[in-house]
Amino acid sequence: MLSVALIGSTLAFGGVAAVNQTSDGDQQQTAYLKVVHASPDAPPVDVMVKNETVLSDVPFGAVSDYLALEAGTYNVTIAAAGDSETVVFDGEVTLEPRSVTTLAASGEISEGAETTFELVAYEDTAPAPADNESALRVIHLSPDAPTVDITTSGGSVVLADNVSFQNASDYVTVPEGNHTLELREATGDNDGPVVTTVNVSLSGGTAYSAMAVGYLDTDDEPADTEFEVILAEDATNTTTGVQLPFN
């Protein structure tokens, strides 16, 4: 399902999220898109499509709902919010038919930063979990965090193994309810020291991406953007097609 072609590679999140939504009768030419601003040193931005502002003042950590978009190529310009002269991206974004995707604007834009800015695409069609279960994956988008294993509290259950920056784990099925997750420095036995602990609340019959963003240690980083985990609902595969969590 994942077939997103990007022409250019900088802050292109959200730019196509308000353009040319398709009708229900044109499913074969529809692309489903969810976007997240996960670049911790990037400012809020305004997004222009064909020189028309479609999104304003988009902050770090923002995640869109899925939008049904007409597949095609869009000219996108992105500038610092309220400052159209400070352009951080001017190029084209192409969405292929029937793709279901999260696009994450990740990495850093500051001069001398340790990671480069990239737009990364993740396929969002998880297997549909049972009513009393959830599907969960972890997306590593924290520039200063090490490669991690993810376990439940105390390390009794391994949920993800050896997840490096800008990569995602496979979906796993977990019971619905409240869970404490431990992000550990990756080791062969998944028993490395705990980097940080997060609590998540998962609903039955729902798929999620737990996106680790921000800096673990802001002291030596270009922005004071603290680490957090953003929990976003994902599309699921069902026996009749793709189920999207529209609100």
Protein backbone atom coordinates (compact mmCIF):
# COMPACT_ATOMS: atom_id res chain seq x y z
CA MET A 1 0.00 0.00 0.00
CA LEU A 2 2.85 2.38 0.71
CA SER A 3 3.79 4.27 -2.44
CA VAL A 4 4.63 7.86 -1.63
CA ALA A 5 7.09 9.61 -3.95
CA LEU A 6 8.71 12.81 -2.67
CA ILE A 7 10.44 15.27 -4.95
CA GLY A 8 12.68 17.31 -2.66
CA SER A 9 13.38 16.49 0.98
CA THR A 10 12.60 19.10 3.59
CA LEU A 11 9.73 20.38 5.70
CA ALA A 12 6.83 19.11 3.59
CA PHE A 13 4.53 17.92 6.36
CA GLY A 14 0.95 19.02 6.18
CA GLY A 15 1.20 20.90 2.91
CA VAL A 16 -1.07 18.58 1.01
CA ALA A 17 -3.42 17.96 3.94
CA ALA A 18 -5.95 20.57 2.90
CA VAL A 19 -5.96 20.12 -0.86
CA ASN A 20 -8.36 18.36 -3.25
CA GLN A 21 -10.19 15.95 -0.99
CA THR A 22 -11.72 13.19 -3.10
CA SER A 23 -15.31 12.07 -3.33
CA ASP A 24 -16.44 8.66 -2.08
CA GLY A 25 -16.83 7.47 -5.65
CA ASP A 26 -13.20 7.87 -6.61
CA GLN A 27 -11.56 5.36 -4.26
CA GLN A 28 -9.09 4.00 -6.82
CA GLN A 29 -7.48 7.45 -7.08
CA THR A 30 -7.54 8.24 -3.36
CA ALA A 31 -4.49 8.64 -1.13
CA TYR A 32 -4.99 8.71 2.66
CA LEU A 33 -2.51 10.93 4.46
CA LYS A 34 -1.73 11.77 8.08
CA VAL A 35 1.12 14.15 8.88
CA VAL A 36 3.20 14.93 11.99
CA HIS A 37 5.63 17.74 12.77
CA ALA A 38 8.43 15.91 14.61
CA SER A 39 11.43 18.15 13.94
CA PRO A 40 12.28 19.47 17.43
CA ASP A 41 14.26 22.54 16.38
CA ALA A 42 11.95 23.62 13.54
CA PRO A 43 9.63 26.58 14.24
CA PRO A 44 5.88 26.65 13.70
CA VAL A 45 5.26 27.04 9.99
CA ASP A 46 2.79 28.24 7.40
CA VAL A 47 2.08 26.04 4.40
CA MET A 48 1.26 27.29 0.91
CA VAL A 49 -0.06 25.17 -1.94
CA LYS A 50 0.03 26.81 -5.36
CA ASN A 51 0.84 30.08 -3.54
CA GLU A 52 -2.28 29.84 -1.38
CA THR A 53 -1.93 29.45 2.40
CA VAL A 54 -3.73 26.27 3.47
CA LEU A 55 -2.28 25.76 6.98
CA SER A 56 -1.10 28.40 9.42
CA ASP A 57 1.14 28.29 12.49
CA VAL A 58 1.60 24.48 12.60
CA PRO A 59 3.54 23.66 15.80
CA PHE A 60 5.93 20.90 16.77
CA GLY A 61 4.06 17.77 17.83
CA ALA A 62 0.96 18.44 15.73
CA VAL A 63 -0.61 15.35 14.12
CA SER A 64 -3.36 15.63 11.55
CA ASP A 65 -6.39 13.39 11.08
CA TYR A 66 -6.40 11.28 7.95
CA LEU A 67 -7.54 13.11 4.87
CA ALA A 68 -8.72 11.50 1.64
CA LEU A 69 -6.79 13.25 -1.10
CA GLU A 70 -6.81 12.99 -4.83
CA ALA A 71 -3.60 11.26 -5.91
CA GLY A 72 -1.25 13.53 -7.81
CA THR A 73 1.58 16.03 -7.56
CA TYR A 74 1.36 19.27 -5.59
CA ASN A 75 3.64 22.29 -5.50
CA VAL A 76 4.24 23.11 -1.82
CA THR A 77 6.00 26.05 -0.16
CA ILE A 78 6.65 26.11 3.59
CA ALA A 79 7.86 29.14 5.54
CA ALA A 80 8.29 30.14 9.14
CA ALA A 81 4.93 31.14 10.59
CA GLY A 82 4.18 34.78 9.84
CA ASP A 83 7.41 35.21 7.86
CA SER A 84 6.90 34.32 4.20
CA GLU A 85 10.47 35.37 3.37
CA THR A 86 11.96 32.56 5.50
CA VAL A 87 11.25 29.64 3.19
CA VAL A 88 12.34 26.21 4.40
CA PHE A 89 10.87 24.22 1.52
CA ASP A 90 9.75 24.89 -2.03
CA GLY A 91 9.15 21.82 -4.14
CA GLU A 92 6.74 19.09 -5.18
CA VAL A 93 5.05 16.28 -3.28
CA THR A 94 3.51 13.32 -5.11
CA LEU A 95 0.90 10.99 -3.58
CA GLU A 96 0.22 7.68 -5.30
CA PRO A 97 -3.28 6.15 -5.54
CA ARG A 98 -4.49 3.95 -2.64
CA SER A 99 -1.57 4.79 -0.35
CA VAL A 100 -2.26 5.01 3.42
CA THR A 101 0.61 6.87 5.01
CA THR A 102 1.98 8.86 7.91
CA LEU A 103 4.53 11.46 6.80
CA ALA A 104 6.84 12.58 9.58
CA ALA A 105 8.95 15.70 9.31
CA SER A 106 11.93 14.58 11.37
CA GLY A 107 15.56 15.36 12.06
CA GLU A 108 16.87 18.87 12.62
CA ILE A 109 17.20 22.07 10.62
CA SER A 110 19.76 23.96 12.75
CA GLU A 111 23.24 24.55 11.38
CA GLY A 112 25.64 22.01 12.88
CA ALA A 113 22.90 19.69 14.13
CA GLU A 114 23.78 16.02 14.50
CA THR A 115 20.92 14.79 12.31
CA THR A 116 19.71 16.02 8.94
CA PHE A 117 16.13 16.93 8.23
CA GLU A 118 14.19 14.25 6.36
CA LEU A 119 10.60 13.55 5.48
CA VAL A 120 9.94 9.89 6.33
CA ALA A 121 6.94 7.82 5.21
CA TYR A 122 5.39 4.98 7.23
CA GLU A 123 2.72 2.55 6.07
CA ASP A 124 -0.27 2.74 8.42
CA THR A 125 -2.39 -0.31 7.59
CA ALA A 126 -2.14 -2.42 10.74
CA PRO A 127 -4.03 -5.71 11.14
CA ALA A 128 -7.39 -4.97 12.76
CA PRO A 129 -7.15 -6.07 16.44
CA ALA A 130 -9.93 -7.80 18.37
CA ASP A 131 -12.38 -5.72 20.40
CA ASN A 132 -10.43 -6.30 23.63
CA GLU A 133 -6.97 -5.82 22.07
CA SER A 134 -4.93 -3.03 20.53
CA ALA A 135 -2.26 -2.94 17.83
CA LEU A 136 0.82 -0.88 18.73
CA ARG A 137 4.02 0.14 17.00
CA VAL A 138 6.76 2.57 18.03
CA ILE A 139 8.25 5.17 15.69
CA HIS A 140 11.64 6.54 16.80
CA LEU A 141 11.83 10.25 15.96
CA SER A 142 13.99 11.56 18.85
CA PRO A 143 17.32 12.80 17.39
CA ASP A 144 19.42 12.31 20.55
CA ALA A 145 17.90 9.03 21.73
CA PRO A 146 19.90 5.83 21.18
CA THR A 147 18.68 2.77 19.33
CA VAL A 148 16.12 1.23 21.68
CA ASP A 149 14.25 -1.89 22.68
CA ILE A 150 10.75 -1.35 24.03
CA THR A 151 9.45 -3.54 26.85
CA THR A 152 6.59 -3.55 29.30
CA SER A 153 7.33 -2.53 32.88
CA GLY A 154 10.13 -4.61 34.33
CA GLY A 155 11.13 -5.96 30.93
CA SER A 156 8.81 -8.95 31.11
CA VAL A 157 7.45 -8.53 27.56
CA VAL A 158 9.43 -7.25 24.57
CA LEU A 159 7.25 -5.13 22.28
CA ALA A 160 9.93 -3.91 19.86
CA ASP A 161 13.55 -4.76 19.21
CA ASN A 162 16.46 -2.59 18.04
CA VAL A 163 14.50 0.43 16.78
CA SER A 164 16.85 3.13 15.49
CA PHE A 165 16.22 6.80 14.70
CA GLN A 166 13.63 7.36 11.94
CA ASN A 167 12.63 3.70 11.93
CA ALA A 168 9.47 1.99 13.17
CA SER A 169 8.78 -1.31 14.86
CA ASP A 170 6.26 -3.81 13.53
CA TYR A 171 2.78 -3.71 14.97
CA VAL A 172 2.24 -6.02 17.96
CA THR A 173 -1.02 -7.00 19.64
CA VAL A 174 -1.44 -6.03 23.30
CA PRO A 175 -4.40 -6.10 25.69
CA GLU A 176 -6.45 -2.92 25.78
CA GLY A 177 -6.02 -0.68 28.81
CA ASN A 178 -3.23 1.24 30.53
CA HIS A 179 0.38 0.20 29.99
CA THR A 180 3.80 1.38 31.16
CA LEU A 181 6.41 1.12 28.44
CA GLU A 182 10.16 1.16 29.02
CA LEU A 183 12.48 2.41 26.29
CA ARG A 184 15.81 0.65 26.87
CA GLU A 185 19.19 1.00 25.22
CA ALA A 186 19.19 -1.80 22.65
CA THR A 187 20.98 -5.01 23.65
CA GLY A 188 20.95 -8.55 22.36
CA ASP A 189 18.86 -9.70 25.33
CA ASN A 190 16.59 -6.62 25.42
CA ASP A 191 17.72 -5.91 28.98
CA GLY A 192 19.63 -2.65 28.55
CA PRO A 193 19.34 0.31 30.91
CA VAL A 194 16.01 2.14 30.82
CA VAL A 195 16.30 5.41 28.85
CA THR A 196 12.84 6.64 29.76
CA THR A 197 9.43 5.33 30.81
CA VAL A 198 6.08 6.35 29.34
CA ASN A 199 2.47 5.53 30.14
CA VAL A 200 -0.06 4.87 27.38
CA SER A 201 -3.79 4.17 27.40
CA LEU A 202 -4.99 1.93 24.55
CA SER A 203 -8.56 1.29 23.43
CA GLY A 204 -9.76 -2.06 22.15
CA GLY A 205 -10.11 -2.62 18.41
CA THR A 206 -7.73 0.27 17.68
CA ALA A 207 -4.25 0.57 16.16
CA TYR A 208 -1.71 3.13 17.36
CA SER A 209 1.66 4.63 16.58
CA ALA A 210 3.58 5.71 19.66
CA MET A 211 5.91 8.37 18.25
CA ALA A 212 8.94 9.24 20.38
CA VAL A 213 9.82 12.88 19.67
CA GLY A 214 11.87 15.72 21.14
CA TYR A 215 15.19 15.59 23.00
CA LEU A 216 16.05 13.33 25.92
CA ASP A 217 18.63 15.91 27.08
CA THR A 218 18.02 19.47 25.96
CA ASP A 219 21.18 20.93 27.54
CA ASP A 220 23.40 20.53 24.47
CA GLU A 221 20.69 20.67 21.79
CA PRO A 222 19.66 23.55 19.49
CA ALA A 223 16.15 23.78 21.00
CA ASP A 224 14.56 23.31 24.40
CA THR A 225 12.08 20.72 23.13
CA GLU A 226 11.64 18.02 25.73
CA PHE A 227 11.07 14.34 25.01
CA GLU A 228 7.50 13.06 24.77
CA VAL A 229 5.55 10.23 23.21
CA ILE A 230 2.70 11.18 20.88
CA LEU A 231 0.03 8.49 20.58
CA ALA A 232 -1.80 8.59 17.24
CA GLU A 233 -4.54 6.32 15.91
CA ASP A 234 -3.69 4.46 12.69
CA ALA A 235 -5.69 2.91 9.89
CA THR A 236 -6.28 -0.84 10.04
CA ASN A 237 -6.74 -3.62 7.50
CA THR A 238 -10.16 -5.27 7.73
CA THR A 239 -11.81 -8.05 5.75
CA THR A 240 -13.61 -5.40 3.70
CA GLY A 241 -10.72 -3.02 3.16
CA VAL A 242 -9.05 -0.19 5.07
CA GLN A 243 -10.71 1.19 8.21
CA LEU A 244 -9.70 4.79 8.91
CA PRO A 245 -10.13 6.38 12.37
CA PHE A 246 -11.81 9.58 11.23
CA ASN A 247 -13.03 11.69 14.15
